[in-house]
Amino acid sequence: LTHGAPVHMGSPEEIGIKDLDVPDFGDPVSILPGEIPVFWACGVTSTLAATSTDLPLVITHAPGYMFVSDLKDDRLTLL
């Protein structure tokens, strides 16, 4: 079971996050000195992406019910 690779490691500003103390969703996270922030896509990411397009079909999840597949992560990559 995998969540995939992080979408970004390092400065939040590099991916458009202005303030970790004011998240769009969830609770704020404190980054301690010496720590490097790591960011993964989440269910909210796919839902927001899907609702901002005109796709005929989207498979995602409901909160608490993740989509599970026997396909390995490298078979699902788009890059």
PDB file of N, CA and C in Angstrom:
ATOM      1  N   LEU A   1       0.858  -1.175   0.000  1.00  0.00           N
ATOM      2  CA  LEU A   1       0.000   0.000   0.000  1.00  0.00           C
ATOM      3  C   LEU A   1       0.894   1.225   0.000  1.00  0.00           C
ATOM      4  N   THR A   2       0.622   2.149  -0.877  1.00  0.00           N
ATOM      5  CA  THR A   2       1.489   3.319  -1.004  1.00  0.00           C
ATOM      6  C   THR A   2       0.667   4.587  -1.170  1.00  0.00           C
ATOM      7  N   HIS A   3       1.235   5.672  -0.796  1.00  0.00           N
ATOM      8  CA  HIS A   3       0.580   6.969  -0.980  1.00  0.00           C
ATOM      9  C   HIS A   3       1.248   7.726  -2.121  1.00  0.00           C
ATOM     10  N   GLY A   4       2.286   7.153  -2.695  1.00  0.00           N
ATOM     11  CA  GLY A   4       3.007   7.830  -3.764  1.00  0.00           C
ATOM     12  C   GLY A   4       4.112   8.711  -3.217  1.00  0.00           C
ATOM     13  N   ALA A   5       4.896   9.222  -4.116  1.00  0.00           N
ATOM     14  CA  ALA A   5       6.023  10.074  -3.738  1.00  0.00           C
ATOM     15  C   ALA A   5       5.531  11.464  -3.352  1.00  0.00           C
ATOM     16  N   PRO A   6       6.303  12.170  -2.544  1.00  0.00           N
ATOM     17  CA  PRO A   6       5.933  13.555  -2.229  1.00  0.00           C
ATOM     18  C   PRO A   6       5.879  14.397  -3.499  1.00  0.00           C
ATOM     19  N   VAL A   7       5.021  15.399  -3.508  1.00  0.00           N
ATOM     20  CA  VAL A   7       4.956  16.311  -4.649  1.00  0.00           C
ATOM     21  C   VAL A   7       5.973  17.438  -4.510  1.00  0.00           C
ATOM     22  N   HIS A   8       6.465  17.659  -3.285  1.00  0.00           N
ATOM     23  CA  HIS A   8       7.463  18.714  -3.065  1.00  0.00           C
ATOM     24  C   HIS A   8       8.138  18.507  -1.724  1.00  0.00           C
ATOM     25  N   MET A   9       9.429  18.824  -1.682  1.00  0.00           N
ATOM     26  CA  MET A   9      10.182  18.852  -0.430  1.00  0.00           C
ATOM     27  C   MET A   9      10.925  20.178  -0.387  1.00  0.00           C
ATOM     28  N   GLY A  10      10.796  20.894   0.719  1.00  0.00           N
ATOM     29  CA  GLY A  10      11.506  22.163   0.846  1.00  0.00           C
ATOM     30  C   GLY A  10      10.576  23.322   1.108  1.00  0.00           C
ATOM     31  N   SER A  11      10.960  24.469   0.625  1.00  0.00           N
ATOM     32  CA  SER A  11      10.253  25.716   0.911  1.00  0.00           C
ATOM     33  C   SER A  11       8.803  25.686   0.425  1.00  0.00           C
ATOM     34  N   PRO A  12       7.841  25.900   1.320  1.00  0.00           N
ATOM     35  CA  PRO A  12       6.434  25.937   0.923  1.00  0.00           C
ATOM     36  C   PRO A  12       6.147  27.025  -0.111  1.00  0.00           C
ATOM     37  N   GLU A  13       6.876  28.137  -0.039  1.00  0.00           N
ATOM     38  CA  GLU A  13       6.659  29.242  -0.966  1.00  0.00           C
ATOM     39  C   GLU A  13       6.905  28.835  -2.416  1.00  0.00           C
ATOM     40  N   GLU A  14       7.795  27.855  -2.633  1.00  0.00           N
ATOM     41  CA  GLU A  14       8.112  27.410  -3.995  1.00  0.00           C
ATOM     42  C   GLU A  14       6.917  26.765  -4.696  1.00  0.00           C
ATOM     43  N   ILE A  15       5.935  26.299  -3.919  1.00  0.00           N
ATOM     44  CA  ILE A  15       4.743  25.691  -4.525  1.00  0.00           C
ATOM     45  C   ILE A  15       3.484  26.510  -4.224  1.00  0.00           C
ATOM     46  N   GLY A  16       3.687  27.770  -3.858  1.00  0.00           N
ATOM     47  CA  GLY A  16       2.551  28.679  -3.691  1.00  0.00           C
ATOM     48  C   GLY A  16       1.915  28.705  -2.322  1.00  0.00           C
ATOM     49  N   ILE A  17       2.533  28.066  -1.337  1.00  0.00           N
ATOM     50  CA  ILE A  17       1.999  28.100   0.027  1.00  0.00           C
ATOM     51  C   ILE A  17       2.636  29.284   0.741  1.00  0.00           C
ATOM     52  N   LYS A  18       1.821  30.268   1.067  1.00  0.00           N
ATOM     53  CA  LYS A  18       2.344  31.501   1.656  1.00  0.00           C
ATOM     54  C   LYS A  18       2.560  31.402   3.156  1.00  0.00           C
ATOM     55  N   ASP A  19       1.708  30.633   3.855  1.00  0.00           N
ATOM     56  CA  ASP A  19       1.777  30.606   5.315  1.00  0.00           C
ATOM     57  C   ASP A  19       1.262  29.267   5.835  1.00  0.00           C
ATOM     58  N   LEU A  20       2.147  28.442   6.388  1.00  0.00           N
ATOM     59  CA  LEU A  20       1.737  27.143   6.936  1.00  0.00           C
ATOM     60  C   LEU A  20       0.832  27.287   8.154  1.00  0.00           C
ATOM     61  N   ASP A  21       0.819  28.466   8.756  1.00  0.00           N
ATOM     62  CA  ASP A  21      -0.046  28.696   9.915  1.00  0.00           C
ATOM     63  C   ASP A  21      -1.496  28.949   9.511  1.00  0.00           C
ATOM     64  N   VAL A  22      -1.747  29.099   8.205  1.00  0.00           N
ATOM     65  CA  VAL A  22      -3.103  29.357   7.708  1.00  0.00           C
ATOM     66  C   VAL A  22      -3.401  28.377   6.556  1.00  0.00           C
ATOM     67  N   PRO A  23      -3.614  27.079   6.881  1.00  0.00           N
ATOM     68  CA  PRO A  23      -3.852  26.097   5.817  1.00  0.00           C
ATOM     69  C   PRO A  23      -5.244  26.246   5.197  1.00  0.00           C
ATOM     70  N   ASP A  24      -5.367  25.829   3.946  1.00  0.00           N
ATOM     71  CA  ASP A  24      -6.679  25.819   3.290  1.00  0.00           C
ATOM     72  C   ASP A  24      -7.588  24.770   3.917  1.00  0.00           C
ATOM     73  N   PHE A  25      -7.002  23.664   4.369  1.00  0.00           N
ATOM     74  CA  PHE A  25      -7.750  22.566   4.983  1.00  0.00           C
ATOM     75  C   PHE A  25      -6.943  22.017   6.153  1.00  0.00           C
ATOM     76  N   GLY A  26      -7.622  21.548   7.180  1.00  0.00           N
ATOM     77  CA  GLY A  26      -6.941  20.910   8.306  1.00  0.00           C
ATOM     78  C   GLY A  26      -6.318  21.893   9.276  1.00  0.00           C
ATOM     79  N   ASP A  27      -5.450  21.353  10.115  1.00  0.00           N
ATOM     80  CA  ASP A  27      -4.818  22.127  11.178  1.00  0.00           C
ATOM     81  C   ASP A  27      -3.441  22.626  10.753  1.00  0.00           C
ATOM     82  N   PRO A  28      -3.004  23.759  11.313  1.00  0.00           N
ATOM     83  CA  PRO A  28      -1.655  24.255  11.016  1.00  0.00           C
ATOM     84  C   PRO A  28      -0.590  23.268  11.488  1.00  0.00           C
ATOM     85  N   VAL A  29       0.552  23.289  10.821  1.00  0.00           N
ATOM     86  CA  VAL A  29       1.672  22.418  11.166  1.00  0.00           C
ATOM     87  C   VAL A  29       2.879  23.296  11.452  1.00  0.00           C
ATOM     88  N   SER A  30       3.567  23.015  12.543  1.00  0.00           N
ATOM     89  CA  SER A  30       4.779  23.767  12.878  1.00  0.00           C
ATOM     90  C   SER A  30       5.998  23.043  12.316  1.00  0.00           C
ATOM     91  N   ILE A  31       6.877  23.790  11.681  1.00  0.00           N
ATOM     92  CA  ILE A  31       8.137  23.246  11.184  1.00  0.00           C
ATOM     93  C   ILE A  31       9.229  23.738  12.127  1.00  0.00           C
ATOM     94  N   LEU A  32       9.891  22.801  12.779  1.00  0.00           N
ATOM     95  CA  LEU A  32      10.937  23.142  13.739  1.00  0.00           C
ATOM     96  C   LEU A  32      12.256  23.412  13.026  1.00  0.00           C
ATOM     97  N   PRO A  33      13.158  24.165  13.658  1.00  0.00           N
ATOM     98  CA  PRO A  33      14.469  24.423  13.055  1.00  0.00           C
ATOM     99  C   PRO A  33      15.157  23.107  12.690  1.00  0.00           C
ATOM    100  N   GLY A  34      15.706  23.052  11.498  1.00  0.00           N
ATOM    101  CA  GLY A  34      16.390  21.842  11.033  1.00  0.00           C
ATOM    102  C   GLY A  34      15.484  20.861  10.303  1.00  0.00           C
ATOM    103  N   GLU A  35      14.170  21.036  10.387  1.00  0.00           N
ATOM    104  CA  GLU A  35      13.235  20.160   9.679  1.00  0.00           C
ATOM    105  C   GLU A  35      13.003  20.677   8.256  1.00  0.00           C
ATOM    106  N   ILE A  36      12.725  19.759   7.348  1.00  0.00           N
ATOM    107  CA  ILE A  36      12.416  20.110   5.958  1.00  0.00           C
ATOM    108  C   ILE A  36      10.965  19.725   5.699  1.00  0.00           C
ATOM    109  N   PRO A  37      10.127  20.680   5.307  1.00  0.00           N
ATOM    110  CA  PRO A  37       8.733  20.349   5.017  1.00  0.00           C
ATOM    111  C   PRO A  37       8.630  19.424   3.801  1.00  0.00           C
ATOM    112  N   VAL A  38       7.726  18.448   3.890  1.00  0.00           N
ATOM    113  CA  VAL A  38       7.473  17.498   2.805  1.00  0.00           C
ATOM    114  C   VAL A  38       5.977  17.514   2.532  1.00  0.00           C
ATOM    115  N   PHE A  39       5.598  17.569   1.257  1.00  0.00           N
ATOM    116  CA  PHE A  39       4.194  17.709   0.881  1.00  0.00           C
ATOM    117  C   PHE A  39       3.757  16.565  -0.027  1.00  0.00           C
ATOM    118  N   TRP A  40       2.622  15.948   0.312  1.00  0.00           N
ATOM    119  CA  TRP A  40       2.009  14.905  -0.503  1.00  0.00           C
ATOM    120  C   TRP A  40       0.660  15.406  -0.997  1.00  0.00           C
ATOM    121  N   ALA A  41       0.233  14.885  -2.121  1.00  0.00           N
ATOM    122  CA  ALA A  41      -1.136  15.133  -2.566  1.00  0.00           C
ATOM    123  C   ALA A  41      -2.069  14.376  -1.618  1.00  0.00           C
ATOM    124  N   CYS A  42      -3.308  14.812  -1.523  1.00  0.00           N
ATOM    125  CA  CYS A  42      -4.266  14.131  -0.657  1.00  0.00           C
ATOM    126  C   CYS A  42      -5.609  14.050  -1.372  1.00  0.00           C
ATOM    127  N   GLY A  43      -6.594  13.463  -0.725  1.00  0.00           N
ATOM    128  CA  GLY A  43      -7.916  13.324  -1.319  1.00  0.00           C
ATOM    129  C   GLY A  43      -8.542  14.646  -1.694  1.00  0.00           C
ATOM    130  N   VAL A  44      -8.279  15.669  -0.915  1.00  0.00           N
ATOM    131  CA  VAL A  44      -8.816  16.995  -1.232  1.00  0.00           C
ATOM    132  C   VAL A  44      -8.224  17.483  -2.552  1.00  0.00           C
ATOM    133  N   THR A  45      -6.944  17.169  -2.797  1.00  0.00           N
ATOM    134  CA  THR A  45      -6.292  17.583  -4.037  1.00  0.00           C
ATOM    135  C   THR A  45      -7.033  17.042  -5.253  1.00  0.00           C
ATOM    136  N   SER A  46      -7.333  15.754  -5.251  1.00  0.00           N
ATOM    137  CA  SER A  46      -8.014  15.166  -6.414  1.00  0.00           C
ATOM    138  C   SER A  46      -9.434  15.702  -6.559  1.00  0.00           C
ATOM    139  N   THR A  47     -10.111  15.911  -5.460  1.00  0.00           N
ATOM    140  CA  THR A  47     -11.477  16.440  -5.520  1.00  0.00           C
ATOM    141  C   THR A  47     -11.487  17.856  -6.087  1.00  0.00           C
ATOM    142  N   LEU A  48     -10.578  18.702  -5.619  1.00  0.00           N
ATOM    143  CA  LEU A  48     -10.501  20.069  -6.146  1.00  0.00           C
ATOM    144  C   LEU A  48     -10.118  20.079  -7.624  1.00  0.00           C
ATOM    145  N   ALA A  49      -9.180  19.215  -8.007  1.00  0.00           N
ATOM    146  CA  ALA A  49      -8.780  19.148  -9.414  1.00  0.00           C
ATOM    147  C   ALA A  49      -9.940  18.682 -10.282  1.00  0.00           C
ATOM    148  N   ALA A  50     -10.661  17.672  -9.831  1.00  0.00           N
ATOM    149  CA  ALA A  50     -11.774  17.129 -10.614  1.00  0.00           C
ATOM    150  C   ALA A  50     -12.911  18.129 -10.759  1.00  0.00           C
ATOM    151  N   THR A  51     -13.203  18.864  -9.711  1.00  0.00           N
ATOM    152  CA  THR A  51     -14.321  19.810  -9.778  1.00  0.00           C
ATOM    153  C   THR A  51     -13.977  21.072 -10.558  1.00  0.00           C
ATOM    154  N   SER A  52     -12.695  21.277 -10.857  1.00  0.00           N
ATOM    155  CA  SER A  52     -12.317  22.460 -11.632  1.00  0.00           C
ATOM    156  C   SER A  52     -12.160  22.142 -13.121  1.00  0.00           C
ATOM    157  N   THR A  53     -12.540  20.932 -13.532  1.00  0.00           N
ATOM    158  CA  THR A  53     -12.443  20.534 -14.938  1.00  0.00           C
ATOM    159  C   THR A  53     -13.803  20.084 -15.452  1.00  0.00           C
ATOM    160  N   ASP A  54     -13.836  19.673 -16.693  1.00  0.00           N
ATOM    161  CA  ASP A  54     -15.069  19.182 -17.301  1.00  0.00           C
ATOM    162  C   ASP A  54     -14.866  17.738 -17.761  1.00  0.00           C
ATOM    163  N   LEU A  55     -14.358  16.895 -16.869  1.00  0.00           N
ATOM    164  CA  LEU A  55     -14.108  15.496 -17.204  1.00  0.00           C
ATOM    165  C   LEU A  55     -15.410  14.702 -17.182  1.00  0.00           C
ATOM    166  N   PRO A  56     -15.572  13.739 -18.096  1.00  0.00           N
ATOM    167  CA  PRO A  56     -16.791  12.932 -18.111  1.00  0.00           C
ATOM    168  C   PRO A  56     -16.844  11.908 -16.977  1.00  0.00           C
ATOM    169  N   LEU A  57     -15.679  11.500 -16.449  1.00  0.00           N
ATOM    170  CA  LEU A  57     -15.632  10.493 -15.387  1.00  0.00           C
ATOM    171  C   LEU A  57     -14.400  10.726 -14.525  1.00  0.00           C
ATOM    172  N   VAL A  58     -14.572  10.646 -13.223  1.00  0.00           N
ATOM    173  CA  VAL A  58     -13.459  10.764 -12.281  1.00  0.00           C
ATOM    174  C   VAL A  58     -13.642   9.698 -11.214  1.00  0.00           C
ATOM    175  N   ILE A  59     -12.562   8.982 -10.888  1.00  0.00           N
ATOM    176  CA  ILE A  59     -12.597   8.009  -9.799  1.00  0.00           C
ATOM    177  C   ILE A  59     -11.723   8.561  -8.688  1.00  0.00           C
ATOM    178  N   THR A  60     -12.299   8.777  -7.536  1.00  0.00           N
ATOM    179  CA  THR A  60     -11.544   9.281  -6.390  1.00  0.00           C
ATOM    180  C   THR A  60     -12.032   8.536  -5.154  1.00  0.00           C
ATOM    181  N   HIS A  61     -12.310   9.197  -4.075  1.00  0.00           N
ATOM    182  CA  HIS A  61     -12.735   8.529  -2.851  1.00  0.00           C
ATOM    183  C   HIS A  61     -13.728   9.404  -2.100  1.00  0.00           C
ATOM    184  N   ALA A  62     -14.338   8.795  -1.115  1.00  0.00           N
ATOM    185  CA  ALA A  62     -15.140   9.535  -0.147  1.00  0.00           C
ATOM    186  C   ALA A  62     -14.306   9.607   1.129  1.00  0.00           C
ATOM    187  N   PRO A  63     -14.441  10.650   1.920  1.00  0.00           N
ATOM    188  CA  PRO A  63     -13.647  10.736   3.153  1.00  0.00           C
ATOM    189  C   PRO A  63     -13.767   9.459   3.986  1.00  0.00           C
ATOM    190  N   GLY A  64     -12.621   8.899   4.324  1.00  0.00           N
ATOM    191  CA  GLY A  64     -12.590   7.667   5.107  1.00  0.00           C
ATOM    192  C   GLY A  64     -12.670   6.405   4.269  1.00  0.00           C
ATOM    193  N   TYR A  65     -12.840   6.531   2.956  1.00  0.00           N
ATOM    194  CA  TYR A  65     -12.960   5.375   2.065  1.00  0.00           C
ATOM    195  C   TYR A  65     -12.046   5.581   0.860  1.00  0.00           C
ATOM    196  N   MET A  66     -10.778   5.283   1.028  1.00  0.00           N
ATOM    197  CA  MET A  66      -9.803   5.504  -0.034  1.00  0.00           C
ATOM    198  C   MET A  66      -9.977   4.488  -1.153  1.00  0.00           C
ATOM    199  N   PHE A  67      -9.638   4.888  -2.386  1.00  0.00           N
ATOM    200  CA  PHE A  67      -9.629   3.977  -3.525  1.00  0.00           C
ATOM    201  C   PHE A  67      -8.437   3.049  -3.370  1.00  0.00           C
ATOM    202  N   VAL A  68      -8.669   1.743  -3.418  1.00  0.00           N
ATOM    203  CA  VAL A  68      -7.608   0.756  -3.259  1.00  0.00           C
ATOM    204  C   VAL A  68      -7.523  -0.067  -4.535  1.00  0.00           C
ATOM    205  N   SER A  69      -6.313  -0.305  -5.003  1.00  0.00           N
ATOM    206  CA  SER A  69      -6.102  -1.050  -6.243  1.00  0.00           C
ATOM    207  C   SER A  69      -4.915  -1.983  -6.077  1.00  0.00           C
ATOM    208  N   ASP A  70      -4.865  -3.033  -6.894  1.00  0.00           N
ATOM    209  CA  ASP A  70      -3.707  -3.923  -6.870  1.00  0.00           C
ATOM    210  C   ASP A  70      -2.624  -3.474  -7.851  1.00  0.00           C
ATOM    211  N   LEU A  71      -2.841  -2.342  -8.526  1.00  0.00           N
ATOM    212  CA  LEU A  71      -1.825  -1.817  -9.435  1.00  0.00           C
ATOM    213  C   LEU A  71      -0.692  -1.182  -8.641  1.00  0.00           C
ATOM    214  N   LYS A  72       0.525  -1.408  -9.085  1.00  0.00           N
ATOM    215  CA  LYS A  72       1.675  -0.788  -8.428  1.00  0.00           C
ATOM    216  C   LYS A  72       1.778   0.680  -8.837  1.00  0.00           C
ATOM    217  N   ASP A  73       2.358   1.470  -7.951  1.00  0.00           N
ATOM    218  CA  ASP A  73       2.468   2.914  -8.141  1.00  0.00           C
ATOM    219  C   ASP A  73       3.077   3.283  -9.492  1.00  0.00           C
ATOM    220  N   ASP A  74       4.118   2.565  -9.925  1.00  0.00           N
ATOM    221  CA  ASP A  74       4.783   2.919 -11.182  1.00  0.00           C
ATOM    222  C   ASP A  74       3.907   2.664 -12.411  1.00  0.00           C
ATOM    223  N   ARG A  75       2.858   1.869 -12.283  1.00  0.00           N
ATOM    224  CA  ARG A  75       1.928   1.636 -13.396  1.00  0.00           C
ATOM    225  C   ARG A  75       0.924   2.780 -13.520  1.00  0.00           C
ATOM    226  N   LEU A  76       0.814   3.618 -12.503  1.00  0.00           N
ATOM    227  CA  LEU A  76      -0.174   4.683 -12.490  1.00  0.00           C
ATOM    228  C   LEU A  76       0.409   6.047 -12.826  1.00  0.00           C
ATOM    229  N   THR A  77       1.700   6.135 -12.975  1.00  0.00           N
ATOM    230  CA  THR A  77       2.335   7.425 -13.206  1.00  0.00           C
ATOM    231  C   THR A  77       1.955   8.014 -14.559  1.00  0.00           C
ATOM    232  N   LEU A  78       1.841   9.321 -14.606  1.00  0.00           N
ATOM    233  CA  LEU A  78       1.509  10.015 -15.846  1.00  0.00           C
ATOM    234  C   LEU A  78       2.733  10.639 -16.495  1.00  0.00           C
ATOM    235  N   LEU A  79       3.835  10.696 -15.781  1.00  0.00           N
ATOM    236  CA  LEU A  79       5.047  11.340 -16.313  1.00  0.00           C
ATOM    237  C   LEU A  79       5.945  10.338 -16.991  1.00  0.00           C
TER     238      LEU A  79
END
